[in-house]
Amino acid sequence: MNDKNPYEEIINLPHHTSVKHPMLGKDSYAAQFSPFAALSGYDGIVSEAARFTDEGPSMNETDAEIINAKLRILSDRIKERPEITVTYFSKDKRKPGGKYVEKTAIAKKIDEVERNICFSDGAKLPFDVITDIRSEIFDVLEQN
């Protein structure tokens, strides 16, 4: 029997590189195995858990008074159809918390029974989610 290593002739040869088929990058190489992932949906769950949400608004008494004063002015001048920018808190549908959103539109109606601002585009916004209202009609408040 020969004590010689059977692979001795080829062990130090350079690695073969195909001319027709370029090598896959690391991302592509890993992606070819993704259909066999043991935990389907895992990436979505991790992404959802990592998604940031804000806590709900914590309004103090002064902030609430300012919002109420602006709503009264808006109610008095609603026939002018003023353009307003409202910042409000939108609750997240999937997890605790939410995000602050701004909406700029023409105010059409103040519904004091339902406690909503109605806009000319048909949207309604409840008073209790509003954190700020800005408009030229409030310039009188800001001067005082």
C-alpha atoms as a PDB file:
ATOM      1  CA  MET A   1       0.000   0.000   0.000  1.00  0.00           C
ATOM      2  CA  ASN A   2       1.189   3.481  -0.831  1.00  0.00           C
ATOM      3  CA  ASP A   3       1.545   5.956   2.107  1.00  0.00           C
ATOM      4  CA  LYS A   4       1.174   8.872  -0.234  1.00  0.00           C
ATOM      5  CA  ASN A   5      -1.877  11.224   0.276  1.00  0.00           C
ATOM      6  CA  PRO A   6      -4.336  10.536  -2.586  1.00  0.00           C
ATOM      7  CA  TYR A   7      -5.122  14.290  -2.869  1.00  0.00           C
ATOM      8  CA  GLU A   8      -1.527  15.489  -2.870  1.00  0.00           C
ATOM      9  CA  GLU A   9      -1.603  16.299  -6.578  1.00  0.00           C
ATOM     10  CA  ILE A  10      -4.627  18.627  -6.360  1.00  0.00           C
ATOM     11  CA  ILE A  11      -4.494  20.006  -2.815  1.00  0.00           C
ATOM     12  CA  ASN A  12      -2.423  23.082  -3.685  1.00  0.00           C
ATOM     13  CA  LEU A  13      -4.135  23.946  -6.973  1.00  0.00           C
ATOM     14  CA  PRO A  14      -6.014  27.306  -7.149  1.00  0.00           C
ATOM     15  CA  HIS A  15      -9.783  27.263  -6.663  1.00  0.00           C
ATOM     16  CA  HIS A  16     -11.688  26.970  -9.944  1.00  0.00           C
ATOM     17  CA  THR A  17     -13.558  30.137 -11.017  1.00  0.00           C
ATOM     18  CA  SER A  18     -16.195  29.782 -13.723  1.00  0.00           C
ATOM     19  CA  VAL A  19     -16.066  32.156 -16.669  1.00  0.00           C
ATOM     20  CA  LYS A  20     -19.761  31.628 -17.481  1.00  0.00           C
ATOM     21  CA  HIS A  21     -21.210  31.854 -13.949  1.00  0.00           C
ATOM     22  CA  PRO A  22     -19.921  34.674 -11.702  1.00  0.00           C
ATOM     23  CA  MET A  23     -19.652  34.006  -7.971  1.00  0.00           C
ATOM     24  CA  LEU A  24     -22.607  35.018  -5.820  1.00  0.00           C
ATOM     25  CA  GLY A  25     -22.189  37.824  -3.332  1.00  0.00           C
ATOM     26  CA  LYS A  26     -22.713  37.044   0.342  1.00  0.00           C
ATOM     27  CA  ASP A  27     -26.286  38.427   0.314  1.00  0.00           C
ATOM     28  CA  SER A  28     -27.260  36.490  -2.801  1.00  0.00           C
ATOM     29  CA  TYR A  29     -25.637  33.330  -1.526  1.00  0.00           C
ATOM     30  CA  ALA A  30     -27.618  33.499   1.716  1.00  0.00           C
ATOM     31  CA  ALA A  31     -30.846  34.435  -0.119  1.00  0.00           C
ATOM     32  CA  GLN A  32     -30.839  31.215  -2.113  1.00  0.00           C
ATOM     33  CA  PHE A  33     -31.594  29.343   1.100  1.00  0.00           C
ATOM     34  CA  SER A  34     -34.417  31.626   2.284  1.00  0.00           C
ATOM     35  CA  PRO A  35     -37.222  29.353   1.011  1.00  0.00           C
ATOM     36  CA  PHE A  36     -35.999  26.845   3.572  1.00  0.00           C
ATOM     37  CA  ALA A  37     -36.102  29.256   6.527  1.00  0.00           C
ATOM     38  CA  ALA A  38     -37.217  27.368   9.618  1.00  0.00           C
ATOM     39  CA  LEU A  39     -39.268  30.253  11.004  1.00  0.00           C
ATOM     40  CA  SER A  40     -41.404  31.750   8.273  1.00  0.00           C
ATOM     41  CA  GLY A  41     -42.621  35.209   9.245  1.00  0.00           C
ATOM     42  CA  TYR A  42     -39.825  35.672  11.760  1.00  0.00           C
ATOM     43  CA  ASP A  43     -38.332  38.664   9.909  1.00  0.00           C
ATOM     44  CA  GLY A  44     -41.722  40.415   9.908  1.00  0.00           C
ATOM     45  CA  ILE A  45     -42.161  39.844  13.631  1.00  0.00           C
ATOM     46  CA  VAL A  46     -38.698  41.213  14.376  1.00  0.00           C
ATOM     47  CA  SER A  47     -39.329  44.276  12.174  1.00  0.00           C
ATOM     48  CA  GLU A  48     -42.660  44.938  13.900  1.00  0.00           C
ATOM     49  CA  ALA A  49     -41.077  44.656  17.350  1.00  0.00           C
ATOM     50  CA  ALA A  50     -38.339  47.090  16.339  1.00  0.00           C
ATOM     51  CA  ARG A  51     -40.811  49.658  14.962  1.00  0.00           C
ATOM     52  CA  PHE A  52     -40.873  52.705  17.239  1.00  0.00           C
ATOM     53  CA  THR A  53     -44.105  54.207  18.582  1.00  0.00           C
ATOM     54  CA  ASP A  54     -44.618  57.292  20.738  1.00  0.00           C
ATOM     55  CA  GLU A  55     -46.533  57.270  23.997  1.00  0.00           C
ATOM     56  CA  GLY A  56     -49.861  59.028  24.001  1.00  0.00           C
ATOM     57  CA  PRO A  57     -50.092  62.747  24.733  1.00  0.00           C
ATOM     58  CA  SER A  58     -49.940  63.963  28.292  1.00  0.00           C
ATOM     59  CA  MET A  59     -51.634  67.342  28.292  1.00  0.00           C
ATOM     60  CA  ASN A  60     -51.393  69.622  31.271  1.00  0.00           C
ATOM     61  CA  GLU A  61     -54.207  71.970  32.240  1.00  0.00           C
ATOM     62  CA  THR A  62     -52.664  74.974  30.482  1.00  0.00           C
ATOM     63  CA  ASP A  63     -52.273  73.090  27.187  1.00  0.00           C
ATOM     64  CA  ALA A  64     -55.892  71.908  27.394  1.00  0.00           C
ATOM     65  CA  GLU A  65     -57.090  75.481  28.028  1.00  0.00           C
ATOM     66  CA  ILE A  66     -55.190  76.719  24.963  1.00  0.00           C
ATOM     67  CA  ILE A  67     -56.715  73.997  22.766  1.00  0.00           C
ATOM     68  CA  ASN A  68     -60.198  74.813  24.116  1.00  0.00           C
ATOM     69  CA  ALA A  69     -59.705  78.539  23.476  1.00  0.00           C
ATOM     70  CA  LYS A  70     -58.632  77.805  19.906  1.00  0.00           C
ATOM     71  CA  LEU A  71     -61.637  75.534  19.395  1.00  0.00           C
ATOM     72  CA  ARG A  72     -63.952  78.349  20.593  1.00  0.00           C
ATOM     73  CA  ILE A  73     -62.351  80.833  18.171  1.00  0.00           C
ATOM     74  CA  LEU A  74     -62.574  78.260  15.388  1.00  0.00           C
ATOM     75  CA  SER A  75     -66.234  77.649  16.193  1.00  0.00           C
ATOM     76  CA  ASP A  76     -66.956  81.400  16.088  1.00  0.00           C
ATOM     77  CA  ARG A  77     -65.205  81.786  12.714  1.00  0.00           C
ATOM     78  CA  ILE A  78     -66.146  78.466  11.084  1.00  0.00           C
ATOM     79  CA  LYS A  79     -68.274  80.189   8.409  1.00  0.00           C
ATOM     80  CA  GLU A  80     -65.047  81.716   7.044  1.00  0.00           C
ATOM     81  CA  ARG A  81     -63.842  78.176   6.288  1.00  0.00           C
ATOM     82  CA  PRO A  82     -60.355  78.784   7.706  1.00  0.00           C
ATOM     83  CA  GLU A  83     -57.412  76.632   6.788  1.00  0.00           C
ATOM     84  CA  ILE A  84     -55.996  75.017   9.923  1.00  0.00           C
ATOM     85  CA  THR A  85     -53.083  72.746  10.724  1.00  0.00           C
ATOM     86  CA  VAL A  86     -53.911  70.247  13.448  1.00  0.00           C
ATOM     87  CA  THR A  87     -51.347  68.099  15.233  1.00  0.00           C
ATOM     88  CA  TYR A  88     -52.952  65.011  16.698  1.00  0.00           C
ATOM     89  CA  PHE A  89     -52.038  61.648  18.156  1.00  0.00           C
ATOM     90  CA  SER A  90     -52.915  58.621  16.048  1.00  0.00           C
ATOM     91  CA  LYS A  91     -53.007  55.325  17.962  1.00  0.00           C
ATOM     92  CA  ASP A  92     -51.143  52.406  16.438  1.00  0.00           C
ATOM     93  CA  LYS A  93     -53.366  49.522  15.347  1.00  0.00           C
ATOM     94  CA  ARG A  94     -50.862  46.791  16.212  1.00  0.00           C
ATOM     95  CA  LYS A  95     -49.011  47.815  19.348  1.00  0.00           C
ATOM     96  CA  PRO A  96     -49.225  50.242  22.283  1.00  0.00           C
ATOM     97  CA  GLY A  97     -48.516  53.874  21.509  1.00  0.00           C
ATOM     98  CA  GLY A  98     -48.787  55.609  18.169  1.00  0.00           C
ATOM     99  CA  LYS A  99     -47.463  58.652  16.360  1.00  0.00           C
ATOM    100  CA  TYR A 100     -48.060  62.372  16.041  1.00  0.00           C
ATOM    101  CA  VAL A 101     -49.572  63.415  12.717  1.00  0.00           C
ATOM    102  CA  GLU A 102     -50.225  66.814  11.146  1.00  0.00           C
ATOM    103  CA  LYS A 103     -53.223  67.555   8.955  1.00  0.00           C
ATOM    104  CA  THR A 104     -53.699  70.796   7.064  1.00  0.00           C
ATOM    105  CA  ALA A 105     -57.166  71.334   5.631  1.00  0.00           C
ATOM    106  CA  ILE A 106     -60.169  73.621   5.500  1.00  0.00           C
ATOM    107  CA  ALA A 107     -62.293  73.408   8.659  1.00  0.00           C
ATOM    108  CA  LYS A 108     -65.960  72.960   7.743  1.00  0.00           C
ATOM    109  CA  LYS A 109     -67.782  72.352  11.028  1.00  0.00           C
ATOM    110  CA  ILE A 110     -67.251  72.057  14.763  1.00  0.00           C
ATOM    111  CA  ASP A 111     -69.488  69.254  16.025  1.00  0.00           C
ATOM    112  CA  GLU A 112     -69.759  69.890  19.745  1.00  0.00           C
ATOM    113  CA  VAL A 113     -72.138  66.960  20.304  1.00  0.00           C
ATOM    114  CA  GLU A 114     -69.797  64.386  18.743  1.00  0.00           C
ATOM    115  CA  ARG A 115     -66.750  66.465  19.786  1.00  0.00           C
ATOM    116  CA  ASN A 116     -65.167  66.499  16.318  1.00  0.00           C
ATOM    117  CA  ILE A 117     -63.678  68.934  13.866  1.00  0.00           C
ATOM    118  CA  CYS A 118     -65.112  68.183  10.421  1.00  0.00           C
ATOM    119  CA  PHE A 119     -63.003  69.061   7.387  1.00  0.00           C
ATOM    120  CA  SER A 120     -63.994  69.932   3.831  1.00  0.00           C
ATOM    121  CA  ASP A 121     -62.397  66.670   2.610  1.00  0.00           C
ATOM    122  CA  GLY A 122     -64.879  64.664   4.727  1.00  0.00           C
ATOM    123  CA  ALA A 123     -62.410  63.755   7.486  1.00  0.00           C
ATOM    124  CA  LYS A 124     -63.380  64.075  11.145  1.00  0.00           C
ATOM    125  CA  LEU A 125     -60.967  64.516  14.007  1.00  0.00           C
ATOM    126  CA  PRO A 126     -61.976  63.965  17.657  1.00  0.00           C
ATOM    127  CA  PHE A 127     -61.146  66.784  20.072  1.00  0.00           C
ATOM    128  CA  ASP A 128     -59.462  64.430  22.550  1.00  0.00           C
ATOM    129  CA  VAL A 129     -56.583  63.456  20.196  1.00  0.00           C
ATOM    130  CA  ILE A 130     -55.666  67.052  19.271  1.00  0.00           C
ATOM    131  CA  THR A 131     -52.392  68.347  20.718  1.00  0.00           C
ATOM    132  CA  ASP A 132     -52.109  71.609  18.742  1.00  0.00           C
ATOM    133  CA  ILE A 133     -54.049  73.751  16.267  1.00  0.00           C
ATOM    134  CA  ARG A 134     -52.415  76.457  14.159  1.00  0.00           C
ATOM    135  CA  SER A 135     -54.004  79.009  11.854  1.00  0.00           C
ATOM    136  CA  GLU A 136     -53.915  82.709  11.044  1.00  0.00           C
ATOM    137  CA  ILE A 137     -57.213  83.096  12.902  1.00  0.00           C
ATOM    138  CA  PHE A 138     -55.390  82.450  16.191  1.00  0.00           C
ATOM    139  CA  ASP A 139     -53.011  85.395  15.795  1.00  0.00           C
ATOM    140  CA  VAL A 140     -55.092  87.301  18.371  1.00  0.00           C
ATOM    141  CA  LEU A 141     -54.340  84.631  20.998  1.00  0.00           C
ATOM    142  CA  GLU A 142     -50.637  84.599  20.291  1.00  0.00           C
ATOM    143  CA  GLN A 143     -50.352  88.387  20.602  1.00  0.00           C
ATOM    144  CA  ASN A 144     -51.705  88.283  24.177  1.00  0.00           C
END
